[in-house]
Amino acid sequence: MKADRLLSILLLLQTRGRMPATELAEHLEVSVRTIYRDVESLAAAGVPVVTERGRHGGIGLLPGGRTDVGGLTADEARALLALSARGAHGELALDGALGSALRKVTAAAPDPERPAVERGGERVLVDPPRWLPSGAGAAAGPDLGELQYAVFAGRRLRLRYRHGGTPVPVEYTVDPYGLVSRAALWYLVADLNGEPRLFRADRVLAAGAAEEPVRRRPGVGLGDVWAVLREHVERRPKELPVRVRVRRGRLDTFVRVHGGRVTAQPPEAGGGPAEEWVELAMAFPTPAAVRALLAFGPDAEVLSPPAARRELARAAAEALRLYQDER
């Protein structure tokens, strides 16, 4: 950790010039005393670093005090900065590594191009769409630790998995190729019995790396499998838009259960009386899929389309016939 911090100090000074010790400490999340000790270590190692006291002082490098960390061109550095999408690195516990890597990328750019590279990182933002932020009824993000371990260790993976619309989990042993983040969701890309399959990480109830090595198809990589699966997913029929009204008092529970089907930001649950109706926009693959809403009884009503209402009426009539039979 100290070696990485020393290199980070050197790169920050190289890209920004003289900096106060307090600013360096804030960037690296350490104390000012630690910064001064690190500067002494750099000086002892022969790095031409100097410290000037006083109001206009700070820590800096003597002219020529540079390190080459890769010789990237300005366009290469901008391309890497643009890939630093918010969210994904945090979910993979790589935020610290990302910050260190971006400092190295910026430092590697040629001197005349460095201001433009830094602006590129400030001007490009990748913001995957997510209608349901944390704390607003969305499911908690998946724990990617065991999935990552199996992927990088080259091990088979045992999954306990819940398919959408099916309450009973299924157990699989799969051969993982890797993880993909798309539209704010993480997916495990793997082979199941030699066939490509896609598993949503937030539906993985339990995961464990097996002792056996992974059995990937020869010459096939993550990009190849993802291309096949993505084409299959994108060819699915367009989902059916459905308007639903829900009692405000049940809205939190409704969104927790069916949040994946909500297509627009839902209203606040506590914004009125519990008996008040609030409307939601949702999407289902087929009219029959709306039968899942019957679990909310009289607290949820499908308003449109008529095909979805007829489907619910048929389901309710079937249930009524079943329970009218005296036993």
C-alpha atoms as a PDB file:
ATOM      1  CA  MET A   1       0.000   0.000   0.000  1.00  0.00           C
ATOM      2  CA  LYS A   2       2.811   2.428   0.830  1.00  0.00           C
ATOM      3  CA  ALA A   3       4.547   1.815  -2.501  1.00  0.00           C
ATOM      4  CA  ASP A   4       1.303   2.557  -4.339  1.00  0.00           C
ATOM      5  CA  ARG A   5       0.822   5.714  -2.273  1.00  0.00           C
ATOM      6  CA  LEU A   6       4.360   6.926  -3.023  1.00  0.00           C
ATOM      7  CA  LEU A   7       3.763   6.479  -6.739  1.00  0.00           C
ATOM      8  CA  SER A   8       0.408   8.300  -6.415  1.00  0.00           C
ATOM      9  CA  ILE A   9       2.142  11.258  -4.726  1.00  0.00           C
ATOM     10  CA  LEU A  10       4.736  11.371  -7.486  1.00  0.00           C
ATOM     11  CA  LEU A  11       2.067  11.265 -10.200  1.00  0.00           C
ATOM     12  CA  LEU A  12      -0.057  13.944  -8.539  1.00  0.00           C
ATOM     13  CA  LEU A  13       2.937  16.268  -8.264  1.00  0.00           C
ATOM     14  CA  GLN A  14       3.899  15.466 -11.838  1.00  0.00           C
ATOM     15  CA  THR A  15       0.459  16.338 -13.216  1.00  0.00           C
ATOM     16  CA  ARG A  16      -0.555  19.220 -10.933  1.00  0.00           C
ATOM     17  CA  GLY A  17       2.712  20.809  -9.941  1.00  0.00           C
ATOM     18  CA  ARG A  18       3.260  22.054  -6.399  1.00  0.00           C
ATOM     19  CA  MET A  19       0.529  21.002  -3.962  1.00  0.00           C
ATOM     20  CA  PRO A  20      -0.083  21.686  -0.259  1.00  0.00           C
ATOM     21  CA  ALA A  21       0.404  18.683   2.025  1.00  0.00           C
ATOM     22  CA  THR A  22      -3.210  19.033   3.177  1.00  0.00           C
ATOM     23  CA  GLU A  23      -4.472  18.647  -0.400  1.00  0.00           C
ATOM     24  CA  LEU A  24      -2.315  15.575  -0.985  1.00  0.00           C
ATOM     25  CA  ALA A  25      -3.560  14.080   2.278  1.00  0.00           C
ATOM     26  CA  GLU A  26      -7.171  14.673   1.223  1.00  0.00           C
ATOM     27  CA  HIS A  27      -6.635  13.043  -2.178  1.00  0.00           C
ATOM     28  CA  LEU A  28      -4.984   9.957  -0.702  1.00  0.00           C
ATOM     29  CA  GLU A  29      -7.160   9.785   2.433  1.00  0.00           C
ATOM     30  CA  VAL A  30      -4.251   9.807   4.885  1.00  0.00           C
ATOM     31  CA  SER A  31      -2.956  12.243   7.492  1.00  0.00           C
ATOM     32  CA  VAL A  32      -0.692  15.203   6.715  1.00  0.00           C
ATOM     33  CA  ARG A  33       1.972  13.594   8.912  1.00  0.00           C
ATOM     34  CA  THR A  34       1.848  10.480   6.689  1.00  0.00           C
ATOM     35  CA  ILE A  35       2.332  12.668   3.613  1.00  0.00           C
ATOM     36  CA  TYR A  36       5.460  14.264   5.074  1.00  0.00           C
ATOM     37  CA  ARG A  37       6.862  10.825   5.987  1.00  0.00           C
ATOM     38  CA  ASP A  38       6.154   9.624   2.424  1.00  0.00           C
ATOM     39  CA  VAL A  39       7.906  12.687   0.985  1.00  0.00           C
ATOM     40  CA  GLU A  40      10.950  11.892   3.121  1.00  0.00           C
ATOM     41  CA  SER A  41      10.888   8.328   1.733  1.00  0.00           C
ATOM     42  CA  LEU A  42      10.756   9.645  -1.831  1.00  0.00           C
ATOM     43  CA  ALA A  43      13.674  11.989  -1.186  1.00  0.00           C
ATOM     44  CA  ALA A  44      15.703   9.157   0.392  1.00  0.00           C
ATOM     45  CA  ALA A  45      15.058   7.068  -2.743  1.00  0.00           C
ATOM     46  CA  GLY A  46      16.546   9.833  -4.928  1.00  0.00           C
ATOM     47  CA  VAL A  47      13.312  11.425  -6.178  1.00  0.00           C
ATOM     48  CA  PRO A  48      13.913  15.207  -6.581  1.00  0.00           C
ATOM     49  CA  VAL A  49      11.014  16.229  -4.334  1.00  0.00           C
ATOM     50  CA  VAL A  50      11.171  19.444  -2.306  1.00  0.00           C
ATOM     51  CA  THR A  51       9.073  20.889   0.504  1.00  0.00           C
ATOM     52  CA  GLU A  52       8.688  24.626   1.035  1.00  0.00           C
ATOM     53  CA  ARG A  53       7.130  25.969   4.222  1.00  0.00           C
ATOM     54  CA  GLY A  54       5.030  29.066   4.490  1.00  0.00           C
ATOM     55  CA  ARG A  55       1.818  30.494   3.115  1.00  0.00           C
ATOM     56  CA  HIS A  56       2.744  29.965  -0.532  1.00  0.00           C
ATOM     57  CA  GLY A  57       4.765  26.811   0.010  1.00  0.00           C
ATOM     58  CA  GLY A  58       3.918  23.205  -0.682  1.00  0.00           C
ATOM     59  CA  ILE A  59       5.413  20.003  -2.003  1.00  0.00           C
ATOM     60  CA  GLY A  60       6.737  19.811  -5.534  1.00  0.00           C
ATOM     61  CA  LEU A  61       9.256  18.268  -7.909  1.00  0.00           C
ATOM     62  CA  LEU A  62      12.405  19.879  -9.180  1.00  0.00           C
ATOM     63  CA  PRO A  63      12.495  20.409 -12.963  1.00  0.00           C
ATOM     64  CA  GLY A  64      13.035  17.068 -14.690  1.00  0.00           C
ATOM     65  CA  GLY A  65      11.572  15.045 -11.835  1.00  0.00           C
ATOM     66  CA  ARG A  66       9.285  12.803 -13.854  1.00  0.00           C
ATOM     67  CA  THR A  67       8.450   9.109 -14.221  1.00  0.00           C
ATOM     68  CA  ASP A  68       7.303   7.319 -17.358  1.00  0.00           C
ATOM     69  CA  VAL A  69       4.297   5.067 -16.649  1.00  0.00           C
ATOM     70  CA  GLY A  70       3.424   3.919 -20.098  1.00  0.00           C
ATOM     71  CA  GLY A  71       3.832   6.587 -22.768  1.00  0.00           C
ATOM     72  CA  LEU A  72       0.125   6.800 -23.657  1.00  0.00           C
ATOM     73  CA  THR A  73      -0.976   9.188 -26.371  1.00  0.00           C
ATOM     74  CA  ALA A  74      -3.518  11.867 -25.515  1.00  0.00           C
ATOM     75  CA  ASP A  75      -6.302  10.011 -27.366  1.00  0.00           C
ATOM     76  CA  GLU A  76      -5.481   6.759 -25.569  1.00  0.00           C
ATOM     77  CA  ALA A  77      -5.607   8.504 -22.194  1.00  0.00           C
ATOM     78  CA  ARG A  78      -8.956  10.173 -23.018  1.00  0.00           C
ATOM     79  CA  ALA A  79     -10.393   6.823 -24.137  1.00  0.00           C
ATOM     80  CA  LEU A  80      -9.465   5.195 -20.825  1.00  0.00           C
ATOM     81  CA  LEU A  81     -10.884   8.086 -18.795  1.00  0.00           C
ATOM     82  CA  ALA A  82     -14.164   7.828 -20.688  1.00  0.00           C
ATOM     83  CA  LEU A  83     -14.465   4.184 -19.631  1.00  0.00           C
ATOM     84  CA  SER A  84     -14.514   5.056 -15.920  1.00  0.00           C
ATOM     85  CA  ALA A  85     -18.304   4.653 -15.631  1.00  0.00           C
ATOM     86  CA  ARG A  86     -19.705   5.517 -12.242  1.00  0.00           C
ATOM     87  CA  GLY A  87     -21.098   2.668 -10.206  1.00  0.00           C
ATOM     88  CA  ALA A  88     -19.536  -0.396 -11.795  1.00  0.00           C
ATOM     89  CA  HIS A  89     -16.154  -0.061 -10.099  1.00  0.00           C
ATOM     90  CA  GLY A  90     -17.782   0.536  -6.722  1.00  0.00           C
ATOM     91  CA  GLU A  91     -19.869  -2.623  -7.014  1.00  0.00           C
ATOM     92  CA  LEU A  92     -16.686  -4.541  -7.827  1.00  0.00           C
ATOM     93  CA  ALA A  93     -14.832  -2.902  -4.877  1.00  0.00           C
ATOM     94  CA  LEU A  94     -12.362  -1.330  -7.318  1.00  0.00           C
ATOM     95  CA  ASP A  95     -12.917   2.397  -6.683  1.00  0.00           C
ATOM     96  CA  GLY A  96      -9.508   2.813  -5.031  1.00  0.00           C
ATOM     97  CA  ALA A  97      -7.738   0.994  -7.841  1.00  0.00           C
ATOM     98  CA  LEU A  98      -9.604   3.104 -10.407  1.00  0.00           C
ATOM     99  CA  GLY A  99      -8.461   6.361  -8.805  1.00  0.00           C
ATOM    100  CA  SER A 100      -4.850   5.210  -8.782  1.00  0.00           C
ATOM    101  CA  ALA A 101      -5.053   3.999 -12.387  1.00  0.00           C
ATOM    102  CA  LEU A 102      -6.567   7.276 -13.613  1.00  0.00           C
ATOM    103  CA  ARG A 103      -3.765   9.260 -11.984  1.00  0.00           C
ATOM    104  CA  LYS A 104      -1.265   7.099 -13.866  1.00  0.00           C
ATOM    105  CA  VAL A 105      -3.201   7.545 -17.121  1.00  0.00           C
ATOM    106  CA  THR A 106      -3.229  11.323 -16.739  1.00  0.00           C
ATOM    107  CA  ALA A 107       0.461  11.426 -15.877  1.00  0.00           C
ATOM    108  CA  ALA A 108       1.323   9.329 -18.921  1.00  0.00           C
ATOM    109  CA  ALA A 109      -0.165  11.841 -21.357  1.00  0.00           C
ATOM    110  CA  PRO A 110       2.271  14.196 -23.114  1.00  0.00           C
ATOM    111  CA  ASP A 111       2.765  17.535 -21.304  1.00  0.00           C
ATOM    112  CA  PRO A 112       1.091  19.720 -23.955  1.00  0.00           C
ATOM    113  CA  GLU A 113      -1.940  17.414 -24.087  1.00  0.00           C
ATOM    114  CA  ARG A 114      -2.449  16.896 -20.352  1.00  0.00           C
ATOM    115  CA  PRO A 115      -4.964  19.768 -19.788  1.00  0.00           C
ATOM    116  CA  ALA A 116      -7.146  18.445 -22.609  1.00  0.00           C
ATOM    117  CA  VAL A 117      -6.934  14.905 -21.199  1.00  0.00           C
ATOM    118  CA  GLU A 118      -8.030  16.105 -17.760  1.00  0.00           C
ATOM    119  CA  ARG A 119     -10.949  18.007 -19.290  1.00  0.00           C
ATOM    120  CA  GLY A 120     -11.937  14.839 -21.168  1.00  0.00           C
ATOM    121  CA  GLY A 121     -12.375  13.034 -17.871  1.00  0.00           C
ATOM    122  CA  GLU A 122     -14.582  15.880 -16.642  1.00  0.00           C
ATOM    123  CA  ARG A 123     -16.676  16.139 -19.808  1.00  0.00           C
ATOM    124  CA  VAL A 124     -17.521  12.482 -20.451  1.00  0.00           C
ATOM    125  CA  LEU A 125     -19.991  10.752 -18.139  1.00  0.00           C
ATOM    126  CA  VAL A 126     -21.430   7.266 -18.516  1.00  0.00           C
ATOM    127  CA  ASP A 127     -24.606   7.120 -16.435  1.00  0.00           C
ATOM    128  CA  PRO A 128     -26.415   3.761 -16.835  1.00  0.00           C
ATOM    129  CA  PRO A 129     -30.186   4.262 -16.560  1.00  0.00           C
ATOM    130  CA  ARG A 130     -31.759   3.120 -13.306  1.00  0.00           C
ATOM    131  CA  TRP A 131     -35.280   4.308 -12.489  1.00  0.00           C
ATOM    132  CA  LEU A 132     -35.217   2.910  -8.974  1.00  0.00           C
ATOM    133  CA  PRO A 133     -32.367   4.335  -6.890  1.00  0.00           C
ATOM    134  CA  SER A 134     -31.192   2.712  -3.677  1.00  0.00           C
ATOM    135  CA  GLY A 135     -33.581   3.349  -0.832  1.00  0.00           C
ATOM    136  CA  ALA A 136     -36.592   3.940  -3.112  1.00  0.00           C
ATOM    137  CA  GLY A 137     -37.821   0.366  -3.163  1.00  0.00           C
ATOM    138  CA  ALA A 138     -35.166  -1.063  -5.464  1.00  0.00           C
ATOM    139  CA  ALA A 139     -33.592  -4.375  -4.628  1.00  0.00           C
ATOM    140  CA  ALA A 140     -30.172  -4.221  -3.032  1.00  0.00           C
ATOM    141  CA  GLY A 141     -27.232  -4.581  -5.400  1.00  0.00           C
ATOM    142  CA  PRO A 142     -25.862  -8.076  -5.842  1.00  0.00           C
ATOM    143  CA  ASP A 143     -22.840  -9.405  -3.966  1.00  0.00           C
ATOM    144  CA  LEU A 144     -20.389  -9.979  -6.790  1.00  0.00           C
ATOM    145  CA  GLY A 145     -17.530 -11.293  -4.644  1.00  0.00           C
ATOM    146  CA  GLU A 146     -17.997 -15.038  -5.143  1.00  0.00           C
ATOM    147  CA  LEU A 147     -18.901 -14.586  -8.799  1.00  0.00           C
ATOM    148  CA  GLN A 148     -15.720 -12.578  -9.353  1.00  0.00           C
ATOM    149  CA  TYR A 149     -13.632 -15.173  -7.544  1.00  0.00           C
ATOM    150  CA  ALA A 150     -14.904 -18.043  -9.697  1.00  0.00           C
ATOM    151  CA  VAL A 151     -14.429 -16.023 -12.893  1.00  0.00           C
ATOM    152  CA  PHE A 152     -10.829 -15.017 -12.157  1.00  0.00           C
ATOM    153  CA  ALA A 153      -9.796 -18.270 -10.466  1.00  0.00           C
ATOM    154  CA  GLY A 154     -10.983 -20.341 -13.437  1.00  0.00           C
ATOM    155  CA  ARG A 155     -13.357 -22.477 -11.360  1.00  0.00           C
ATOM    156  CA  ARG A 156     -16.798 -23.890 -12.040  1.00  0.00           C
ATOM    157  CA  LEU A 157     -19.584 -22.133 -10.164  1.00  0.00           C
ATOM    158  CA  ARG A 158     -22.521 -23.552  -8.215  1.00  0.00           C
ATOM    159  CA  LEU A 159     -25.561 -21.292  -8.251  1.00  0.00           C
ATOM    160  CA  ARG A 160     -28.866 -21.166  -6.420  1.00  0.00           C
ATOM    161  CA  TYR A 161     -30.889 -19.033  -8.795  1.00  0.00           C
ATOM    162  CA  ARG A 162     -34.384 -17.545  -8.893  1.00  0.00           C
ATOM    163  CA  HIS A 163     -35.870 -17.073 -12.352  1.00  0.00           C
ATOM    164  CA  GLY A 164     -38.191 -14.124 -12.922  1.00  0.00           C
ATOM    165  CA  GLY A 165     -41.808 -15.001 -12.177  1.00  0.00           C
ATOM    166  CA  THR A 166     -40.833 -18.304 -10.508  1.00  0.00           C
ATOM    167  CA  PRO A 167     -40.721 -18.356  -6.706  1.00  0.00           C
ATOM    168  CA  VAL A 168     -38.931 -21.733  -6.455  1.00  0.00           C
ATOM    169  CA  PRO A 169     -35.127 -21.401  -6.858  1.00  0.00           C
ATOM    170  CA  VAL A 170     -33.143 -23.748  -9.092  1.00  0.00           C
ATOM    171  CA  GLU A 171     -29.605 -25.057  -8.568  1.00  0.00           C
ATOM    172  CA  TYR A 172     -27.074 -25.059 -11.403  1.00  0.00           C
ATOM    173  CA  THR A 173     -23.396 -25.810 -11.926  1.00  0.00           C
ATOM    174  CA  VAL A 174     -22.115 -23.481 -14.648  1.00  0.00           C
ATOM    175  CA  ASP A 175     -18.867 -22.632 -16.417  1.00  0.00           C
ATOM    176  CA  PRO A 176     -18.387 -18.844 -16.159  1.00  0.00           C
ATOM    177  CA  TYR A 177     -16.841 -16.656 -18.839  1.00  0.00           C
ATOM    178  CA  GLY A 178     -17.192 -13.352 -17.020  1.00  0.00           C
ATOM    179  CA  LEU A 179     -19.406 -10.545 -15.725  1.00  0.00           C
ATOM    180  CA  VAL A 180     -21.161  -7.916 -17.847  1.00  0.00           C
ATOM    181  CA  SER A 181     -22.776  -4.676 -16.678  1.00  0.00           C
ATOM    182  CA  ARG A 182     -25.593  -3.459 -18.923  1.00  0.00           C
ATOM    183  CA  ALA A 183     -28.301  -0.859 -18.188  1.00  0.00           C
ATOM    184  CA  ALA A 184     -27.375  -0.764 -14.474  1.00  0.00           C
ATOM    185  CA  LEU A 185     -27.698  -4.544 -14.112  1.00  0.00           C
ATOM    186  CA  TRP A 186     -24.923  -7.104 -13.642  1.00  0.00           C
ATOM    187  CA  TYR A 187     -25.052 -10.385 -15.547  1.00  0.00           C
ATOM    188  CA  LEU A 188     -23.050 -13.581 -15.226  1.00  0.00           C
ATOM    189  CA  VAL A 189     -22.207 -14.988 -18.665  1.00  0.00           C
ATOM    190  CA  ALA A 190     -21.666 -18.744 -18.464  1.00  0.00           C
ATOM    191  CA  ASP A 191     -22.145 -22.082 -20.170  1.00  0.00           C
ATOM    192  CA  LEU A 192     -24.737 -24.491 -18.785  1.00  0.00           C
ATOM    193  CA  ASN A 193     -24.168 -27.988 -20.146  1.00  0.00           C
ATOM    194  CA  GLY A 194     -22.126 -26.464 -22.966  1.00  0.00           C
ATOM    195  CA  GLU A 195     -24.812 -23.925 -23.977  1.00  0.00           C
ATOM    196  CA  PRO A 196     -24.469 -20.141 -23.429  1.00  0.00           C
ATOM    197  CA  ARG A 197     -26.675 -18.751 -20.664  1.00  0.00           C
ATOM    198  CA  LEU A 198     -27.222 -15.372 -19.024  1.00  0.00           C
ATOM    199  CA  PHE A 199     -27.863 -15.072 -15.265  1.00  0.00           C
ATOM    200  CA  ARG A 200     -28.891 -11.831 -13.582  1.00  0.00           C
ATOM    201  CA  ALA A 201     -26.595 -11.296 -10.601  1.00  0.00           C
ATOM    202  CA  ASP A 202     -29.388  -9.863  -8.443  1.00  0.00           C
ATOM    203  CA  ARG A 203     -31.298 -13.156  -8.813  1.00  0.00           C
ATOM    204  CA  VAL A 204     -28.386 -15.258  -7.559  1.00  0.00           C
ATOM    205  CA  LEU A 205     -29.460 -16.356  -4.063  1.00  0.00           C
ATOM    206  CA  ALA A 206     -26.225 -18.217  -3.300  1.00  0.00           C
ATOM    207  CA  ALA A 207     -22.989 -18.875  -5.164  1.00  0.00           C
ATOM    208  CA  GLY A 208     -19.885 -20.934  -4.471  1.00  0.00           C
ATOM    209  CA  ALA A 209     -16.812 -21.789  -6.489  1.00  0.00           C
ATOM    210  CA  ALA A 210     -16.428 -25.524  -7.076  1.00  0.00           C
ATOM    211  CA  GLU A 211     -13.157 -27.434  -6.850  1.00  0.00           C
ATOM    212  CA  GLU A 212     -13.243 -28.421 -10.526  1.00  0.00           C
ATOM    213  CA  PRO A 213     -11.614 -26.141 -13.114  1.00  0.00           C
ATOM    214  CA  VAL A 214     -13.884 -24.265 -15.492  1.00  0.00           C
ATOM    215  CA  ARG A 215     -14.802 -26.074 -18.736  1.00  0.00           C
ATOM    216  CA  ARG A 216     -15.022 -23.316 -21.322  1.00  0.00           C
ATOM    217  CA  ARG A 217     -15.376 -24.102 -24.998  1.00  0.00           C
ATOM    218  CA  PRO A 218     -11.980 -23.924 -26.783  1.00  0.00           C
ATOM    219  CA  GLY A 219     -11.321 -20.642 -28.572  1.00  0.00           C
ATOM    220  CA  VAL A 220     -14.447 -18.955 -27.122  1.00  0.00           C
ATOM    221  CA  GLY A 221     -14.174 -15.837 -24.957  1.00  0.00           C
ATOM    222  CA  LEU A 222     -16.493 -13.600 -22.977  1.00  0.00           C
ATOM    223  CA  GLY A 223     -17.055 -11.236 -25.911  1.00  0.00           C
ATOM    224  CA  ASP A 224     -18.085 -14.100 -28.198  1.00  0.00           C
ATOM    225  CA  VAL A 225     -20.623 -15.533 -25.752  1.00  0.00           C
ATOM    226  CA  TRP A 226     -22.009 -12.105 -24.823  1.00  0.00           C
ATOM    227  CA  ALA A 227     -22.520 -11.230 -28.503  1.00  0.00           C
ATOM    228  CA  VAL A 228     -24.647 -14.364 -28.986  1.00  0.00           C
ATOM    229  CA  LEU A 229     -26.674 -13.811 -25.812  1.00  0.00           C
ATOM    230  CA  ARG A 230     -27.184 -10.094 -26.440  1.00  0.00           C
ATOM    231  CA  GLU A 231     -28.530 -10.748 -29.925  1.00  0.00           C
ATOM    232  CA  HIS A 232     -30.965 -13.267 -28.467  1.00  0.00           C
ATOM    233  CA  VAL A 233     -32.133 -10.865 -25.750  1.00  0.00           C
ATOM    234  CA  GLU A 234     -32.537  -7.925 -28.117  1.00  0.00           C
ATOM    235  CA  ARG A 235     -34.652 -10.043 -30.459  1.00  0.00           C
ATOM    236  CA  ARG A 236     -37.285 -10.635 -27.784  1.00  0.00           C
ATOM    237  CA  PRO A 237     -40.757  -9.318 -28.618  1.00  0.00           C
ATOM    238  CA  LYS A 238     -41.500  -5.809 -27.442  1.00  0.00           C
ATOM    239  CA  GLU A 239     -42.941  -5.839 -23.938  1.00  0.00           C
ATOM    240  CA  LEU A 240     -46.538  -4.903 -23.259  1.00  0.00           C
ATOM    241  CA  PRO A 241     -46.974  -1.485 -21.591  1.00  0.00           C
ATOM    242  CA  VAL A 242     -49.395  -1.716 -18.660  1.00  0.00           C
ATOM    243  CA  ARG A 243     -50.954   1.015 -16.497  1.00  0.00           C
ATOM    244  CA  VAL A 244     -51.574  -0.018 -12.906  1.00  0.00           C
ATOM    245  CA  ARG A 245     -52.981   1.788  -9.899  1.00  0.00           C
ATOM    246  CA  VAL A 246     -51.910   0.811  -6.387  1.00  0.00           C
ATOM    247  CA  ARG A 247     -53.045   1.847  -2.919  1.00  0.00           C
ATOM    248  CA  ARG A 248     -50.433   4.235  -1.546  1.00  0.00           C
ATOM    249  CA  GLY A 249     -50.234   2.237   1.673  1.00  0.00           C
ATOM    250  CA  ARG A 250     -49.023  -0.829  -0.295  1.00  0.00           C
ATOM    251  CA  LEU A 251     -46.789   1.056  -2.724  1.00  0.00           C
ATOM    252  CA  ASP A 252     -43.475   0.307  -0.987  1.00  0.00           C
ATOM    253  CA  THR A 253     -44.175  -3.429  -0.906  1.00  0.00           C
ATOM    254  CA  PHE A 254     -45.479  -3.406  -4.473  1.00  0.00           C
ATOM    255  CA  VAL A 255     -42.331  -1.724  -5.802  1.00  0.00           C
ATOM    256  CA  ARG A 256     -40.077  -4.072  -3.836  1.00  0.00           C
ATOM    257  CA  VAL A 257     -41.805  -7.063  -5.424  1.00  0.00           C
ATOM    258  CA  HIS A 258     -42.401  -5.742  -8.947  1.00  0.00           C
ATOM    259  CA  GLY A 259     -39.861  -2.909  -9.243  1.00  0.00           C
ATOM    260  CA  GLY A 260     -38.146  -4.612 -12.161  1.00  0.00           C
ATOM    261  CA  ARG A 261     -41.322  -4.098 -14.225  1.00  0.00           C
ATOM    262  CA  VAL A 262     -41.755  -0.396 -13.394  1.00  0.00           C
ATOM    263  CA  THR A 263     -40.719   1.757 -16.353  1.00  0.00           C
ATOM    264  CA  ALA A 264     -40.996   5.259 -14.859  1.00  0.00           C
ATOM    265  CA  GLN A 265     -40.039   6.762 -11.542  1.00  0.00           C
ATOM    266  CA  PRO A 266     -42.798   5.852  -9.038  1.00  0.00           C
ATOM    267  CA  PRO A 267     -44.319   8.489  -6.740  1.00  0.00           C
ATOM    268  CA  GLU A 268     -43.352   8.744  -3.085  1.00  0.00           C
ATOM    269  CA  ALA A 269     -45.175   6.233  -0.893  1.00  0.00           C
ATOM    270  CA  GLY A 270     -45.785   8.667   1.971  1.00  0.00           C
ATOM    271  CA  GLY A 271     -47.210  11.520  -0.085  1.00  0.00           C
ATOM    272  CA  GLY A 272     -50.876  11.060   0.908  1.00  0.00           C
ATOM    273  CA  PRO A 273     -53.503   8.850   2.601  1.00  0.00           C
ATOM    274  CA  ALA A 274     -52.871   5.093   2.591  1.00  0.00           C
ATOM    275  CA  GLU A 275     -56.151   4.446   0.735  1.00  0.00           C
ATOM    276  CA  GLU A 276     -55.317   6.886  -2.059  1.00  0.00           C
ATOM    277  CA  TRP A 277     -54.648   5.396  -5.499  1.00  0.00           C
ATOM    278  CA  VAL A 278     -51.374   6.117  -7.312  1.00  0.00           C
ATOM    279  CA  GLU A 279     -50.653   5.126 -10.907  1.00  0.00           C
ATOM    280  CA  LEU A 280     -47.573   3.310 -12.207  1.00  0.00           C
ATOM    281  CA  ALA A 281     -46.271   2.600 -15.695  1.00  0.00           C
ATOM    282  CA  MET A 282     -45.105  -1.000 -16.072  1.00  0.00           C
ATOM    283  CA  ALA A 283     -44.133  -3.467 -18.803  1.00  0.00           C
ATOM    284  CA  PHE A 284     -44.747  -7.228 -19.070  1.00  0.00           C
ATOM    285  CA  PRO A 285     -43.614  -9.749 -21.701  1.00  0.00           C
ATOM    286  CA  THR A 286     -47.190 -11.063 -22.229  1.00  0.00           C
ATOM    287  CA  PRO A 287     -50.701 -10.317 -20.953  1.00  0.00           C
ATOM    288  CA  ALA A 288     -50.561 -13.584 -18.979  1.00  0.00           C
ATOM    289  CA  ALA A 289     -47.580 -12.288 -16.971  1.00  0.00           C
ATOM    290  CA  VAL A 290     -49.779  -9.682 -15.256  1.00  0.00           C
ATOM    291  CA  ARG A 291     -51.384 -12.501 -13.254  1.00  0.00           C
ATOM    292  CA  ALA A 292     -48.564 -11.964 -10.747  1.00  0.00           C
ATOM    293  CA  LEU A 293     -50.335  -8.751  -9.664  1.00  0.00           C
ATOM    294  CA  LEU A 294     -53.273 -10.727  -8.270  1.00  0.00           C
ATOM    295  CA  ALA A 295     -51.198 -11.319  -5.139  1.00  0.00           C
ATOM    296  CA  PHE A 296     -52.067  -7.744  -4.118  1.00  0.00           C
ATOM    297  CA  GLY A 297     -55.807  -8.442  -4.292  1.00  0.00           C
ATOM    298  CA  PRO A 298     -57.954  -5.283  -4.167  1.00  0.00           C
ATOM    299  CA  ASP A 299     -54.917  -3.060  -3.507  1.00  0.00           C
ATOM    300  CA  ALA A 300     -53.742  -3.137  -7.145  1.00  0.00           C
ATOM    301  CA  GLU A 301     -55.790  -2.730 -10.323  1.00  0.00           C
ATOM    302  CA  VAL A 302     -54.686  -2.958 -13.946  1.00  0.00           C
ATOM    303  CA  LEU A 303     -56.182  -0.019 -15.853  1.00  0.00           C
ATOM    304  CA  SER A 304     -54.952  -0.855 -19.355  1.00  0.00           C
ATOM    305  CA  PRO A 305     -54.631  -2.464 -21.830  1.00  0.00           C
ATOM    306  CA  PRO A 306     -57.960  -4.356 -22.076  1.00  0.00           C
ATOM    307  CA  ALA A 307     -56.131  -7.622 -22.873  1.00  0.00           C
ATOM    308  CA  ALA A 308     -54.338  -7.503 -19.520  1.00  0.00           C
ATOM    309  CA  ARG A 309     -57.610  -6.767 -17.672  1.00  0.00           C
ATOM    310  CA  ARG A 310     -59.300  -9.712 -19.398  1.00  0.00           C
ATOM    311  CA  GLU A 311     -56.393 -11.957 -18.406  1.00  0.00           C
ATOM    312  CA  LEU A 312     -56.762 -10.980 -14.756  1.00  0.00           C
ATOM    313  CA  ALA A 313     -60.525 -11.482 -14.914  1.00  0.00           C
ATOM    314  CA  ARG A 314     -59.998 -15.020 -16.261  1.00  0.00           C
ATOM    315  CA  ALA A 315     -57.444 -15.778 -13.534  1.00  0.00           C
ATOM    316  CA  ALA A 316     -59.776 -14.477 -10.812  1.00  0.00           C
ATOM    317  CA  ALA A 317     -62.694 -16.522 -12.213  1.00  0.00           C
ATOM    318  CA  GLU A 318     -60.554 -19.678 -12.221  1.00  0.00           C
ATOM    319  CA  ALA A 319     -59.584 -19.111  -8.607  1.00  0.00           C
ATOM    320  CA  LEU A 320     -63.219 -18.461  -7.662  1.00  0.00           C
ATOM    321  CA  ARG A 321     -64.386 -21.719  -9.292  1.00  0.00           C
ATOM    322  CA  LEU A 322     -61.639 -23.609  -7.492  1.00  0.00           C
ATOM    323  CA  TYR A 323     -62.601 -22.347  -4.046  1.00  0.00           C
ATOM    324  CA  GLN A 324     -66.375 -22.503  -4.562  1.00  0.00           C
ATOM    325  CA  ASP A 325     -66.057 -26.287  -4.692  1.00  0.00           C
ATOM    326  CA  GLU A 326     -67.051 -27.422  -1.178  1.00  0.00           C
ATOM    327  CA  ARG A 327     -64.808 -30.167   0.171  1.00  0.00           C
END
